[in-house]
Amino acid sequence: MSVILETKQLCKFYGAGENQVKAVNQVDIQIEQGEFVAIVGKSGSGKSTLLHMLGGLDTPTKGSVTLAGKDLYRMKEDALAVFRRRKIGFVFQAFNLRFHLLMSGKILYCHVGWMGEKWMKR
């Protein structure tokens, strides 16, 4: 099997000085293709922060995330957005639903991204 996801010295810090919070501190992970992994821990232990960095949603303070051979945080923002859209799926704790859209709009939003009113014409 090959490594599909790897982190090296992954850190996410908030604040500075004595008020600094180390939400994720020097995490090294290697997950091989086909492996099933669970991230578990107490509330506030950094699970969501870690997952957001693994999925390219939140930038680490230090360290790297390599997913499917791509170093996520060396990619330009546009390329990362395309990579996320094509290669990564998310299920959030909060639904993040767009109640103001019709079902057709929600489907189009997920597949092609928000394009203003262009989707209405289709």
Foldseek 3Di string as FASTA:
>chain_A
DAWFKWKAQFWAWDDDDPPIDTLDGGDTDTDRPPDDDDDDDDPSNNPVVVVCVQLLNDDTPDIFMAGRNDTLVVDDPVVNVVCSLPPNDDDDPDRPDDVVDDPQVRVCCSNPNDDDCPSVVD
